[in-house]
Amino acid sequence: MIRFFILSLLLCFSLSAAAQQFPQPADCRDRIASIICLVEPASDTDSNLFKRPCLPESSQYQSIFERHYDRSPEVIKKMYCHLERVFVEKSFPASAYASPITDSDGKIVSAAVGIRQEILDSPQSYPHWLTWKEEVSFGGSTSTTAPSMNLIHYQSNDNSPDMAVDFIMAHEFGHVFDFVNKFNQLLDCKWEKDPNGDMRPVGSCTPAPDSWSALSWAGIFQPLPANDYPLRKETCFYFCNGKFLSPNDSAVIFNGLMGSNFVSTYAASNMGDDWAESFAYYIVTKARGVQLQVETQGIAFDLTGHFHSSYMTTKRTYIENFLQGPFLYPGEGDVHQSSLKIIIDR
């Protein structure tokens, strides 16, 4: 099976005609209470996540997302008007996910995001969450509340659990913007099932000119040579299948990252998360003044400095141009893509 991590599951939700009419309240905050949905894990035999009932405890998470709304810039607030569900997943291997919702013609009419319940029930600081996620590739625990390996240490000027939620949601909303605005448009590319039932790309799958993908990627799996670095593709996050990185290589990986135009090791894993990570970093640095560095093996790496360096100039400009508009939210445009998938953040 090809290890492709952007588009892990073929789950484009499809809605009936009756469900395609979404209210657009002037204050998107009003919509939050009706879209929060605590759910049991999805069935292995039924990929339709909307068939799962919302559990009675769903309402206890309403205030978390209302506070997220209150802290956020307008570009984030408005997304709540265009979501059909925010799933709180009782059991989930990753941190969060996002998916477009399409009508019978394949037109994007809304979106759904999901977040792991453990992240909300046992809130950790933004640096702790980043440290946990980074160390999973080195054999760290898959539980966010487990002690650190004491290998990688993220540090920030904002150590609140709120910032972890803000970054995760900005990342997932970034994916939704990508679905609709086609930042990662690929030419001559479609997805088909192989004899084993796995989805595989068919065609040349080259980034379209002037797309986000073209800034860093030569093809669907391969970055441009200037942006590749040692052990980039071996960094596995939530889905390592027992093949972990050596702790001795942690500084090598971050040293390579600092010579690329990827904002994080997670961004370097695939073009979808490249956009979502960069968008989220931009939002939290501009709206909240967040600063971030990481230390491993006695070496400190200034990630905020990297984001504002010449390596990242074209990407910062791309995001700034996007935010100046015009751009689309789900349901605002006649956008059709034949190969959309759910994005599971590894």
C-alpha atoms as a PDB file:
ATOM      1  CA  MET A   1       0.000   0.000   0.000  1.00  0.00           C
ATOM      2  CA  ILE A   2       1.337   3.426  -0.888  1.00  0.00           C
ATOM      3  CA  ARG A   3       1.780   5.469   2.293  1.00  0.00           C
ATOM      4  CA  PHE A   4      -0.068   8.648   1.382  1.00  0.00           C
ATOM      5  CA  PHE A   5      -0.965  10.758   4.291  1.00  0.00           C
ATOM      6  CA  ILE A   6      -2.890  13.768   3.088  1.00  0.00           C
ATOM      7  CA  LEU A   7      -5.866  11.905   1.821  1.00  0.00           C
ATOM      8  CA  SER A   8      -6.076   8.983   4.140  1.00  0.00           C
ATOM      9  CA  LEU A   9      -9.745   8.050   3.943  1.00  0.00           C
ATOM     10  CA  LEU A  10     -12.230   8.304   1.110  1.00  0.00           C
ATOM     11  CA  LEU A  11     -14.996  10.041   3.014  1.00  0.00           C
ATOM     12  CA  CYS A  12     -16.617  12.879   1.143  1.00  0.00           C
ATOM     13  CA  PHE A  13     -19.949  13.349   2.879  1.00  0.00           C
ATOM     14  CA  SER A  14     -22.988  13.633   0.639  1.00  0.00           C
ATOM     15  CA  LEU A  15     -26.233  15.247   1.783  1.00  0.00           C
ATOM     16  CA  SER A  16     -29.827  14.985   0.692  1.00  0.00           C
ATOM     17  CA  ALA A  17     -31.454  18.003  -0.950  1.00  0.00           C
ATOM     18  CA  ALA A  18     -33.281  18.827   2.282  1.00  0.00           C
ATOM     19  CA  ALA A  19     -30.053  18.909   4.262  1.00  0.00           C
ATOM     20  CA  GLN A  20     -28.306  21.207   1.818  1.00  0.00           C
ATOM     21  CA  GLN A  21     -30.020  24.383   3.023  1.00  0.00           C
ATOM     22  CA  PHE A  22     -27.772  25.784   5.736  1.00  0.00           C
ATOM     23  CA  PRO A  23     -28.818  28.725   7.877  1.00  0.00           C
ATOM     24  CA  GLN A  24     -26.493  31.687   7.659  1.00  0.00           C
ATOM     25  CA  PRO A  25     -26.973  33.612  10.921  1.00  0.00           C
ATOM     26  CA  ALA A  26     -25.580  37.105  11.098  1.00  0.00           C
ATOM     27  CA  ASP A  27     -23.733  35.989  14.202  1.00  0.00           C
ATOM     28  CA  CYS A  28     -22.114  32.619  13.446  1.00  0.00           C
ATOM     29  CA  ARG A  29     -21.683  32.074  17.166  1.00  0.00           C
ATOM     30  CA  ASP A  30     -25.401  31.304  17.383  1.00  0.00           C
ATOM     31  CA  ARG A  31     -24.878  28.226  15.227  1.00  0.00           C
ATOM     32  CA  ILE A  32     -22.327  26.530  17.472  1.00  0.00           C
ATOM     33  CA  ALA A  33     -24.839  24.948  19.872  1.00  0.00           C
ATOM     34  CA  SER A  34     -26.562  23.104  17.029  1.00  0.00           C
ATOM     35  CA  ILE A  35     -23.470  21.639  15.381  1.00  0.00           C
ATOM     36  CA  ILE A  36     -21.438  20.260  18.311  1.00  0.00           C
ATOM     37  CA  CYS A  37     -21.756  16.470  18.348  1.00  0.00           C
ATOM     38  CA  LEU A  38     -20.050  14.052  20.739  1.00  0.00           C
ATOM     39  CA  VAL A  39     -19.907  10.664  19.018  1.00  0.00           C
ATOM     40  CA  GLU A  40     -18.788   7.093  19.421  1.00  0.00           C
ATOM     41  CA  PRO A  41     -16.118   5.855  16.979  1.00  0.00           C
ATOM     42  CA  ALA A  42     -17.208   5.276  13.398  1.00  0.00           C
ATOM     43  CA  SER A  43     -18.028   1.735  12.357  1.00  0.00           C
ATOM     44  CA  ASP A  44     -15.524  -0.141  10.233  1.00  0.00           C
ATOM     45  CA  THR A  45     -18.388  -1.207   7.983  1.00  0.00           C
ATOM     46  CA  ASP A  46     -20.083   2.177   7.530  1.00  0.00           C
ATOM     47  CA  SER A  47     -18.070   5.241   6.556  1.00  0.00           C
ATOM     48  CA  ASN A  48     -20.995   7.679   6.860  1.00  0.00           C
ATOM     49  CA  LEU A  49     -20.063   9.619   9.959  1.00  0.00           C
ATOM     50  CA  PHE A  50     -23.424  11.421   9.993  1.00  0.00           C
ATOM     51  CA  LYS A  51     -25.289   8.241  10.868  1.00  0.00           C
ATOM     52  CA  ARG A  52     -23.820   8.359  14.360  1.00  0.00           C
ATOM     53  CA  PRO A  53     -26.166   9.902  16.929  1.00  0.00           C
ATOM     54  CA  CYS A  54     -25.023  12.914  18.915  1.00  0.00           C
ATOM     55  CA  LEU A  55     -24.656  11.817  22.536  1.00  0.00           C
ATOM     56  CA  PRO A  56     -26.481  13.693  25.325  1.00  0.00           C
ATOM     57  CA  GLU A  57     -23.198  15.059  26.696  1.00  0.00           C
ATOM     58  CA  SER A  58     -22.571  16.998  23.454  1.00  0.00           C
ATOM     59  CA  SER A  59     -23.772  20.246  24.996  1.00  0.00           C
ATOM     60  CA  GLN A  60     -20.966  20.281  27.572  1.00  0.00           C
ATOM     61  CA  TYR A  61     -18.506  21.137  24.757  1.00  0.00           C
ATOM     62  CA  GLN A  62     -20.499  24.096  23.451  1.00  0.00           C
ATOM     63  CA  SER A  63     -18.740  26.646  25.626  1.00  0.00           C
ATOM     64  CA  ILE A  64     -15.281  25.481  24.479  1.00  0.00           C
ATOM     65  CA  PHE A  65     -16.085  26.352  20.888  1.00  0.00           C
ATOM     66  CA  GLU A  66     -17.942  29.537  21.803  1.00  0.00           C
ATOM     67  CA  ARG A  67     -14.807  30.713  23.589  1.00  0.00           C
ATOM     68  CA  HIS A  68     -12.775  29.732  20.538  1.00  0.00           C
ATOM     69  CA  TYR A  69     -15.109  31.864  18.444  1.00  0.00           C
ATOM     70  CA  ASP A  70     -14.737  34.819  20.820  1.00  0.00           C
ATOM     71  CA  ARG A  71     -10.928  34.714  20.650  1.00  0.00           C
ATOM     72  CA  SER A  72     -10.696  34.321  16.884  1.00  0.00           C
ATOM     73  CA  PRO A  73     -10.298  36.755  13.966  1.00  0.00           C
ATOM     74  CA  GLU A  74     -13.240  37.218  11.599  1.00  0.00           C
ATOM     75  CA  VAL A  75     -11.910  34.802   8.955  1.00  0.00           C
ATOM     76  CA  ILE A  76     -12.139  32.002  11.544  1.00  0.00           C
ATOM     77  CA  LYS A  77     -15.418  33.122  13.120  1.00  0.00           C
ATOM     78  CA  LYS A  78     -17.291  33.044   9.835  1.00  0.00           C
ATOM     79  CA  MET A  79     -16.385  29.396   9.214  1.00  0.00           C
ATOM     80  CA  TYR A  80     -18.847  28.361  11.927  1.00  0.00           C
ATOM     81  CA  CYS A  81     -21.656  29.502   9.604  1.00  0.00           C
ATOM     82  CA  HIS A  82     -20.508  26.965   7.030  1.00  0.00           C
ATOM     83  CA  LEU A  83     -20.010  23.847   9.140  1.00  0.00           C
ATOM     84  CA  GLU A  84     -22.636  21.145   9.338  1.00  0.00           C
ATOM     85  CA  ARG A  85     -20.950  19.402  12.287  1.00  0.00           C
ATOM     86  CA  VAL A  86     -18.119  19.737  14.743  1.00  0.00           C
ATOM     87  CA  PHE A  87     -17.624  16.152  15.895  1.00  0.00           C
ATOM     88  CA  VAL A  88     -16.051  15.458  19.258  1.00  0.00           C
ATOM     89  CA  GLU A  89     -14.603  11.979  18.785  1.00  0.00           C
ATOM     90  CA  LYS A  90     -14.625   9.745  21.878  1.00  0.00           C
ATOM     91  CA  SER A  91     -11.883   7.634  20.339  1.00  0.00           C
ATOM     92  CA  PHE A  92      -9.591   8.806  17.564  1.00  0.00           C
ATOM     93  CA  PRO A  93      -5.928   8.080  16.719  1.00  0.00           C
ATOM     94  CA  ALA A  94      -5.001  11.593  15.575  1.00  0.00           C
ATOM     95  CA  SER A  95      -5.730  15.109  16.863  1.00  0.00           C
ATOM     96  CA  ALA A  96      -8.431  16.217  14.426  1.00  0.00           C
ATOM     97  CA  TYR A  97      -9.773  15.988  10.880  1.00  0.00           C
ATOM     98  CA  ALA A  98     -11.719  17.920   8.264  1.00  0.00           C
ATOM     99  CA  SER A  99     -13.961  16.939   5.383  1.00  0.00           C
ATOM    100  CA  PRO A 100     -15.973  18.663   2.684  1.00  0.00           C
ATOM    101  CA  ILE A 101     -19.662  17.870   2.361  1.00  0.00           C
ATOM    102  CA  THR A 102     -20.963  17.585  -1.183  1.00  0.00           C
ATOM    103  CA  ASP A 103     -24.329  17.380  -2.867  1.00  0.00           C
ATOM    104  CA  SER A 104     -25.284  14.702  -5.401  1.00  0.00           C
ATOM    105  CA  ASP A 105     -23.460  16.624  -8.141  1.00  0.00           C
ATOM    106  CA  GLY A 106     -20.211  16.774  -6.194  1.00  0.00           C
ATOM    107  CA  LYS A 107     -20.590  20.470  -5.341  1.00  0.00           C
ATOM    108  CA  ILE A 108     -19.242  21.479  -1.925  1.00  0.00           C
ATOM    109  CA  VAL A 109     -22.145  22.759   0.157  1.00  0.00           C
ATOM    110  CA  SER A 110     -20.702  22.600   3.664  1.00  0.00           C
ATOM    111  CA  ALA A 111     -17.973  20.962   5.734  1.00  0.00           C
ATOM    112  CA  ALA A 112     -17.393  19.000   8.901  1.00  0.00           C
ATOM    113  CA  VAL A 113     -14.495  18.931  11.314  1.00  0.00           C
ATOM    114  CA  GLY A 114     -13.745  16.596  14.182  1.00  0.00           C
ATOM    115  CA  ILE A 115     -11.486  16.776  17.210  1.00  0.00           C
ATOM    116  CA  ARG A 116     -10.313  14.151  19.661  1.00  0.00           C
ATOM    117  CA  GLN A 117     -12.252  14.247  22.934  1.00  0.00           C
ATOM    118  CA  GLU A 118      -9.101  13.742  25.006  1.00  0.00           C
ATOM    119  CA  ILE A 119      -7.753  17.091  23.794  1.00  0.00           C
ATOM    120  CA  LEU A 120     -10.831  18.869  25.187  1.00  0.00           C
ATOM    121  CA  ASP A 121     -11.295  16.797  28.354  1.00  0.00           C
ATOM    122  CA  SER A 122      -7.642  16.862  29.417  1.00  0.00           C
ATOM    123  CA  PRO A 123      -6.422  20.194  28.049  1.00  0.00           C
ATOM    124  CA  GLN A 124      -2.679  20.575  27.645  1.00  0.00           C
ATOM    125  CA  SER A 125      -0.675  23.691  26.894  1.00  0.00           C
ATOM    126  CA  TYR A 126       0.130  24.535  23.284  1.00  0.00           C
ATOM    127  CA  PRO A 127       3.839  23.584  23.721  1.00  0.00           C
ATOM    128  CA  HIS A 128       2.895  20.331  25.498  1.00  0.00           C
ATOM    129  CA  TRP A 129       0.552  19.327  22.677  1.00  0.00           C
ATOM    130  CA  LEU A 130       3.200  20.124  20.047  1.00  0.00           C
ATOM    131  CA  THR A 131       5.831  18.190  22.012  1.00  0.00           C
ATOM    132  CA  TRP A 132       3.523  15.199  22.331  1.00  0.00           C
ATOM    133  CA  LYS A 133       2.683  15.182  18.620  1.00  0.00           C
ATOM    134  CA  GLU A 134       6.334  15.500  17.585  1.00  0.00           C
ATOM    135  CA  GLU A 135       7.533  12.728  19.892  1.00  0.00           C
ATOM    136  CA  VAL A 136       5.002  10.184  18.589  1.00  0.00           C
ATOM    137  CA  SER A 137       7.255   9.759  15.525  1.00  0.00           C
ATOM    138  CA  PHE A 138      10.072   8.715  17.873  1.00  0.00           C
ATOM    139  CA  GLY A 139       8.009   6.129  19.737  1.00  0.00           C
ATOM    140  CA  GLY A 140       6.262   8.413  22.208  1.00  0.00           C
ATOM    141  CA  SER A 141       2.856   7.618  23.680  1.00  0.00           C
ATOM    142  CA  THR A 142      -0.254   8.082  21.561  1.00  0.00           C
ATOM    143  CA  SER A 143      -2.039   9.523  24.620  1.00  0.00           C
ATOM    144  CA  THR A 144      -1.813  13.306  24.883  1.00  0.00           C
ATOM    145  CA  THR A 145      -1.707  13.140  28.683  1.00  0.00           C
ATOM    146  CA  ALA A 146       1.280  10.769  28.877  1.00  0.00           C
ATOM    147  CA  PRO A 147       4.649  12.006  30.185  1.00  0.00           C
ATOM    148  CA  SER A 148       7.044  13.355  27.588  1.00  0.00           C
ATOM    149  CA  MET A 149       9.997  11.336  26.314  1.00  0.00           C
ATOM    150  CA  ASN A 150      12.123  14.309  27.400  1.00  0.00           C
ATOM    151  CA  LEU A 151      13.504  14.426  23.860  1.00  0.00           C
ATOM    152  CA  ILE A 152      11.787  17.403  22.221  1.00  0.00           C
ATOM    153  CA  HIS A 153      10.782  20.564  24.071  1.00  0.00           C
ATOM    154  CA  TYR A 154       8.564  23.179  22.456  1.00  0.00           C
ATOM    155  CA  GLN A 155       8.477  26.596  24.124  1.00  0.00           C
ATOM    156  CA  SER A 156       6.062  29.447  23.496  1.00  0.00           C
ATOM    157  CA  ASN A 157       5.109  32.807  24.938  1.00  0.00           C
ATOM    158  CA  ASP A 158       1.531  31.452  25.127  1.00  0.00           C
ATOM    159  CA  ASN A 159       1.314  28.327  27.273  1.00  0.00           C
ATOM    160  CA  SER A 160      -2.464  28.202  27.557  1.00  0.00           C
ATOM    161  CA  PRO A 161      -4.577  25.175  26.581  1.00  0.00           C
ATOM    162  CA  ASP A 162      -6.744  27.657  24.659  1.00  0.00           C
ATOM    163  CA  MET A 163      -3.907  28.205  22.207  1.00  0.00           C
ATOM    164  CA  ALA A 164      -3.689  24.477  21.481  1.00  0.00           C
ATOM    165  CA  VAL A 165      -7.399  24.468  20.577  1.00  0.00           C
ATOM    166  CA  ASP A 166      -7.015  27.674  18.549  1.00  0.00           C
ATOM    167  CA  PHE A 167      -4.161  26.248  16.507  1.00  0.00           C
ATOM    168  CA  ILE A 168      -5.864  22.894  15.910  1.00  0.00           C
ATOM    169  CA  MET A 169      -9.079  24.574  14.751  1.00  0.00           C
ATOM    170  CA  ALA A 170      -7.229  27.054  12.533  1.00  0.00           C
ATOM    171  CA  HIS A 171      -5.421  24.105  10.970  1.00  0.00           C
ATOM    172  CA  GLU A 172      -8.680  22.236  10.269  1.00  0.00           C
ATOM    173  CA  PHE A 173     -10.413  25.363   8.975  1.00  0.00           C
ATOM    174  CA  GLY A 174      -7.388  25.802   6.742  1.00  0.00           C
ATOM    175  CA  HIS A 175      -8.121  22.395   5.236  1.00  0.00           C
ATOM    176  CA  VAL A 176     -11.713  23.477   4.605  1.00  0.00           C
ATOM    177  CA  PHE A 177     -10.524  26.619   2.802  1.00  0.00           C
ATOM    178  CA  ASP A 178      -8.267  24.371   0.732  1.00  0.00           C
ATOM    179  CA  PHE A 179     -11.181  22.125  -0.271  1.00  0.00           C
ATOM    180  CA  VAL A 180     -13.186  25.058  -1.567  1.00  0.00           C
ATOM    181  CA  ASN A 181     -10.506  27.345  -2.993  1.00  0.00           C
ATOM    182  CA  LYS A 182      -8.343  24.559  -4.457  1.00  0.00           C
ATOM    183  CA  PHE A 183      -4.971  25.770  -3.218  1.00  0.00           C
ATOM    184  CA  ASN A 184      -3.490  22.332  -3.817  1.00  0.00           C
ATOM    185  CA  GLN A 185      -4.872  21.769  -7.265  1.00  0.00           C
ATOM    186  CA  LEU A 186      -3.114  18.975  -9.161  1.00  0.00           C
ATOM    187  CA  LEU A 187      -3.057  18.475 -12.916  1.00  0.00           C
ATOM    188  CA  ASP A 188      -3.752  15.119 -14.559  1.00  0.00           C
ATOM    189  CA  CYS A 189      -4.642  13.451 -11.264  1.00  0.00           C
ATOM    190  CA  LYS A 190      -7.492  11.272 -10.085  1.00  0.00           C
ATOM    191  CA  TRP A 191      -7.976   8.642  -7.411  1.00  0.00           C
ATOM    192  CA  GLU A 192      -8.912   5.033  -8.071  1.00  0.00           C
ATOM    193  CA  LYS A 193      -9.136   1.896  -5.978  1.00  0.00           C
ATOM    194  CA  ASP A 194      -6.488  -0.749  -6.574  1.00  0.00           C
ATOM    195  CA  PRO A 195      -7.273  -4.487  -6.366  1.00  0.00           C
ATOM    196  CA  ASN A 196      -6.752  -4.347  -2.578  1.00  0.00           C
ATOM    197  CA  GLY A 197      -9.306  -1.569  -2.199  1.00  0.00           C
ATOM    198  CA  ASP A 198      -6.693   1.091  -1.425  1.00  0.00           C
ATOM    199  CA  MET A 199      -6.972   4.510  -3.057  1.00  0.00           C
ATOM    200  CA  ARG A 200      -4.065   5.373  -5.348  1.00  0.00           C
ATOM    201  CA  PRO A 201      -3.328   8.438  -7.458  1.00  0.00           C
ATOM    202  CA  VAL A 202      -3.479   7.944 -11.215  1.00  0.00           C
ATOM    203  CA  GLY A 203      -1.813  10.347 -13.640  1.00  0.00           C
ATOM    204  CA  SER A 204       1.132  12.711 -13.460  1.00  0.00           C
ATOM    205  CA  CYS A 205      -0.360  14.566 -10.449  1.00  0.00           C
ATOM    206  CA  THR A 206       1.794  17.658 -10.901  1.00  0.00           C
ATOM    207  CA  PRO A 207       1.021  20.911  -9.064  1.00  0.00           C
ATOM    208  CA  ALA A 208      -0.870  23.480 -11.117  1.00  0.00           C
ATOM    209  CA  PRO A 209       1.089  26.658 -11.917  1.00  0.00           C
ATOM    210  CA  ASP A 210       0.646  29.375  -9.270  1.00  0.00           C
ATOM    211  CA  SER A 211      -0.935  26.903  -6.828  1.00  0.00           C
ATOM    212  CA  TRP A 212       0.164  26.556  -3.219  1.00  0.00           C
ATOM    213  CA  SER A 213       1.577  23.121  -4.056  1.00  0.00           C
ATOM    214  CA  ALA A 214       3.882  24.578  -6.693  1.00  0.00           C
ATOM    215  CA  LEU A 215       5.728  26.585  -4.010  1.00  0.00           C
ATOM    216  CA  SER A 216       7.230  23.455  -2.429  1.00  0.00           C
ATOM    217  CA  TRP A 217       6.232  20.304  -4.261  1.00  0.00           C
ATOM    218  CA  ALA A 218       7.407  18.612  -7.444  1.00  0.00           C
ATOM    219  CA  GLY A 219       4.721  15.927  -7.293  1.00  0.00           C
ATOM    220  CA  ILE A 220       2.114  14.428  -5.044  1.00  0.00           C
ATOM    221  CA  PHE A 221       4.669  12.670  -2.844  1.00  0.00           C
ATOM    222  CA  GLN A 222       7.885  14.546  -3.500  1.00  0.00           C
ATOM    223  CA  PRO A 223       8.985  18.063  -2.522  1.00  0.00           C
ATOM    224  CA  LEU A 224      11.138  20.199  -4.762  1.00  0.00           C
ATOM    225  CA  PRO A 225      14.810  19.292  -4.147  1.00  0.00           C
ATOM    226  CA  ALA A 226      15.546  22.565  -2.336  1.00  0.00           C
ATOM    227  CA  ASN A 227      12.884  21.769   0.277  1.00  0.00           C
ATOM    228  CA  ASP A 228      13.647  18.123   0.962  1.00  0.00           C
ATOM    229  CA  TYR A 229      15.773  17.131   3.922  1.00  0.00           C
ATOM    230  CA  PRO A 230      16.995  13.954   5.685  1.00  0.00           C
ATOM    231  CA  LEU A 231      14.306  11.779   7.301  1.00  0.00           C
ATOM    232  CA  ARG A 232      11.476  14.066   6.180  1.00  0.00           C
ATOM    233  CA  LYS A 233       9.459  11.256   4.621  1.00  0.00           C
ATOM    234  CA  GLU A 234      10.159   8.905   7.545  1.00  0.00           C
ATOM    235  CA  THR A 235       8.521  11.297  10.021  1.00  0.00           C
ATOM    236  CA  CYS A 236       5.292   9.390  10.624  1.00  0.00           C
ATOM    237  CA  PHE A 237       3.386  11.059  13.514  1.00  0.00           C
ATOM    238  CA  TYR A 238       0.248   9.086  14.439  1.00  0.00           C
ATOM    239  CA  PHE A 239       0.597   6.265  11.929  1.00  0.00           C
ATOM    240  CA  CYS A 240       4.103   4.839  12.363  1.00  0.00           C
ATOM    241  CA  ASN A 241       3.083   1.167  12.463  1.00  0.00           C
ATOM    242  CA  GLY A 242       5.994   0.438  14.765  1.00  0.00           C
ATOM    243  CA  LYS A 243       8.593   2.062  12.491  1.00  0.00           C
ATOM    244  CA  PHE A 244       9.830   4.913  14.648  1.00  0.00           C
ATOM    245  CA  LEU A 245      12.594   7.425  14.121  1.00  0.00           C
ATOM    246  CA  SER A 246      15.728   7.144  16.214  1.00  0.00           C
ATOM    247  CA  PRO A 247      15.864   9.731  19.021  1.00  0.00           C
ATOM    248  CA  ASN A 248      19.448  10.382  17.950  1.00  0.00           C
ATOM    249  CA  ASP A 249      18.122  11.943  14.730  1.00  0.00           C
ATOM    250  CA  SER A 250      15.854  14.594  16.248  1.00  0.00           C
ATOM    251  CA  ALA A 251      18.316  17.481  15.767  1.00  0.00           C
ATOM    252  CA  VAL A 252      19.091  16.341  12.211  1.00  0.00           C
ATOM    253  CA  ILE A 253      15.410  16.630  11.311  1.00  0.00           C
ATOM    254  CA  PHE A 254      14.945  20.127  12.715  1.00  0.00           C
ATOM    255  CA  ASN A 255      18.200  21.306  11.196  1.00  0.00           C
ATOM    256  CA  GLY A 256      16.894  20.146   7.820  1.00  0.00           C
ATOM    257  CA  LEU A 257      13.561  21.835   8.411  1.00  0.00           C
ATOM    258  CA  MET A 258      15.254  25.187   9.016  1.00  0.00           C
ATOM    259  CA  GLY A 259      16.784  25.049   5.533  1.00  0.00           C
ATOM    260  CA  SER A 260      13.447  24.394   3.821  1.00  0.00           C
ATOM    261  CA  ASN A 261      10.340  26.486   3.147  1.00  0.00           C
ATOM    262  CA  PHE A 262       8.163  24.297   5.385  1.00  0.00           C
ATOM    263  CA  VAL A 263       6.910  25.903   8.578  1.00  0.00           C
ATOM    264  CA  SER A 264       6.967  22.648  10.557  1.00  0.00           C
ATOM    265  CA  THR A 265       7.863  18.988  10.243  1.00  0.00           C
ATOM    266  CA  TYR A 266       4.127  18.306   9.973  1.00  0.00           C
ATOM    267  CA  ALA A 267       3.850  20.741   7.059  1.00  0.00           C
ATOM    268  CA  ALA A 268       6.682  18.881   5.335  1.00  0.00           C
ATOM    269  CA  SER A 269       4.729  15.602   5.380  1.00  0.00           C
ATOM    270  CA  ASN A 270       2.329  16.447   2.545  1.00  0.00           C
ATOM    271  CA  MET A 271       0.951  19.362   0.554  1.00  0.00           C
ATOM    272  CA  GLY A 272      -2.432  19.463   2.309  1.00  0.00           C
ATOM    273  CA  ASP A 273      -0.893  19.829   5.748  1.00  0.00           C
ATOM    274  CA  ASP A 274       1.707  22.186   4.289  1.00  0.00           C
ATOM    275  CA  TRP A 275      -1.089  24.675   3.597  1.00  0.00           C
ATOM    276  CA  ALA A 276      -3.066  23.991   6.786  1.00  0.00           C
ATOM    277  CA  GLU A 277      -0.012  24.318   9.060  1.00  0.00           C
ATOM    278  CA  SER A 278       1.191  27.489   7.358  1.00  0.00           C
ATOM    279  CA  PHE A 279      -2.286  29.035   7.497  1.00  0.00           C
ATOM    280  CA  ALA A 280      -2.649  28.168  11.198  1.00  0.00           C
ATOM    281  CA  TYR A 281       0.811  29.537  12.049  1.00  0.00           C
ATOM    282  CA  TYR A 282      -0.016  32.754  10.231  1.00  0.00           C
ATOM    283  CA  ILE A 283      -3.314  33.128  12.090  1.00  0.00           C
ATOM    284  CA  VAL A 284      -1.894  32.561  15.576  1.00  0.00           C
ATOM    285  CA  THR A 285       1.200  34.718  15.024  1.00  0.00           C
ATOM    286  CA  LYS A 286      -0.753  37.630  13.551  1.00  0.00           C
ATOM    287  CA  ALA A 287      -3.868  37.463  15.722  1.00  0.00           C
ATOM    288  CA  ARG A 288      -2.264  36.386  19.003  1.00  0.00           C
ATOM    289  CA  GLY A 289       1.410  37.309  18.679  1.00  0.00           C
ATOM    290  CA  VAL A 290       2.501  33.728  19.338  1.00  0.00           C
ATOM    291  CA  GLN A 291       6.214  32.975  19.308  1.00  0.00           C
ATOM    292  CA  LEU A 292       7.557  29.434  19.132  1.00  0.00           C
ATOM    293  CA  GLN A 293      10.838  27.608  19.400  1.00  0.00           C
ATOM    294  CA  VAL A 294      11.837  23.983  19.844  1.00  0.00           C
ATOM    295  CA  GLU A 295      14.820  22.501  21.632  1.00  0.00           C
ATOM    296  CA  THR A 296      16.264  19.028  21.179  1.00  0.00           C
ATOM    297  CA  GLN A 297      19.625  17.541  22.081  1.00  0.00           C
ATOM    298  CA  GLY A 298      20.674  20.875  23.533  1.00  0.00           C
ATOM    299  CA  ILE A 299      20.065  22.789  20.287  1.00  0.00           C
ATOM    300  CA  ALA A 300      17.340  25.461  20.038  1.00  0.00           C
ATOM    301  CA  PHE A 301      15.532  26.167  16.767  1.00  0.00           C
ATOM    302  CA  ASP A 302      13.637  29.448  16.361  1.00  0.00           C
ATOM    303  CA  LEU A 303      10.483  28.427  14.479  1.00  0.00           C
ATOM    304  CA  THR A 304       8.944  31.896  14.587  1.00  0.00           C
ATOM    305  CA  GLY A 305      12.132  33.337  13.143  1.00  0.00           C
ATOM    306  CA  HIS A 306      12.032  30.677  10.431  1.00  0.00           C
ATOM    307  CA  PHE A 307       8.430  31.539   9.587  1.00  0.00           C
ATOM    308  CA  HIS A 308       9.409  35.191   9.122  1.00  0.00           C
ATOM    309  CA  SER A 309      12.631  34.390   7.245  1.00  0.00           C
ATOM    310  CA  SER A 310      13.321  34.671   3.533  1.00  0.00           C
ATOM    311  CA  TYR A 311      12.696  30.931   3.198  1.00  0.00           C
ATOM    312  CA  MET A 312       9.010  31.573   3.861  1.00  0.00           C
ATOM    313  CA  THR A 313       8.498  34.841   1.981  1.00  0.00           C
ATOM    314  CA  THR A 314       6.514  33.401  -0.927  1.00  0.00           C
ATOM    315  CA  LYS A 315       4.282  31.412   1.402  1.00  0.00           C
ATOM    316  CA  ARG A 316       3.557  34.347   3.708  1.00  0.00           C
ATOM    317  CA  THR A 317       2.714  36.431   0.635  1.00  0.00           C
ATOM    318  CA  TYR A 318       0.407  33.683  -0.669  1.00  0.00           C
ATOM    319  CA  ILE A 319      -1.503  33.587   2.634  1.00  0.00           C
ATOM    320  CA  GLU A 320      -1.711  37.384   2.822  1.00  0.00           C
ATOM    321  CA  ASN A 321      -3.082  37.540  -0.721  1.00  0.00           C
ATOM    322  CA  PHE A 322      -5.639  34.871   0.161  1.00  0.00           C
ATOM    323  CA  LEU A 323      -6.819  36.765   3.227  1.00  0.00           C
ATOM    324  CA  GLN A 324      -7.233  39.962   1.211  1.00  0.00           C
ATOM    325  CA  GLY A 325      -9.845  38.085  -0.824  1.00  0.00           C
ATOM    326  CA  PRO A 326     -11.987  37.364  -2.540  1.00  0.00           C
ATOM    327  CA  PHE A 327     -12.176  33.786  -1.322  1.00  0.00           C
ATOM    328  CA  LEU A 328     -14.861  31.186  -0.742  1.00  0.00           C
ATOM    329  CA  TYR A 329     -16.355  29.421   2.245  1.00  0.00           C
ATOM    330  CA  PRO A 330     -18.201  26.121   1.730  1.00  0.00           C
ATOM    331  CA  GLY A 331     -21.510  26.686  -0.037  1.00  0.00           C
ATOM    332  CA  GLU A 332     -20.530  30.077  -1.466  1.00  0.00           C
ATOM    333  CA  GLY A 333     -19.296  28.940  -4.854  1.00  0.00           C
ATOM    334  CA  ASP A 334     -19.846  26.391  -7.571  1.00  0.00           C
ATOM    335  CA  VAL A 335     -16.679  24.449  -6.831  1.00  0.00           C
ATOM    336  CA  HIS A 336     -16.416  20.849  -7.982  1.00  0.00           C
ATOM    337  CA  GLN A 337     -13.506  18.515  -7.427  1.00  0.00           C
ATOM    338  CA  SER A 338     -13.593  14.902  -8.509  1.00  0.00           C
ATOM    339  CA  SER A 339     -11.062  13.614  -6.002  1.00  0.00           C
ATOM    340  CA  LEU A 340     -11.765  15.222  -2.617  1.00  0.00           C
ATOM    341  CA  LYS A 341     -11.055  13.114   0.435  1.00  0.00           C
ATOM    342  CA  ILE A 342     -11.319  13.534   4.165  1.00  0.00           C
ATOM    343  CA  ILE A 343      -8.102  14.821   5.717  1.00  0.00           C
ATOM    344  CA  ILE A 344      -6.955  12.916   8.757  1.00  0.00           C
ATOM    345  CA  ASP A 345      -4.241  14.874  10.504  1.00  0.00           C
ATOM    346  CA  ARG A 346      -1.579  12.367  11.258  1.00  0.00           C
END
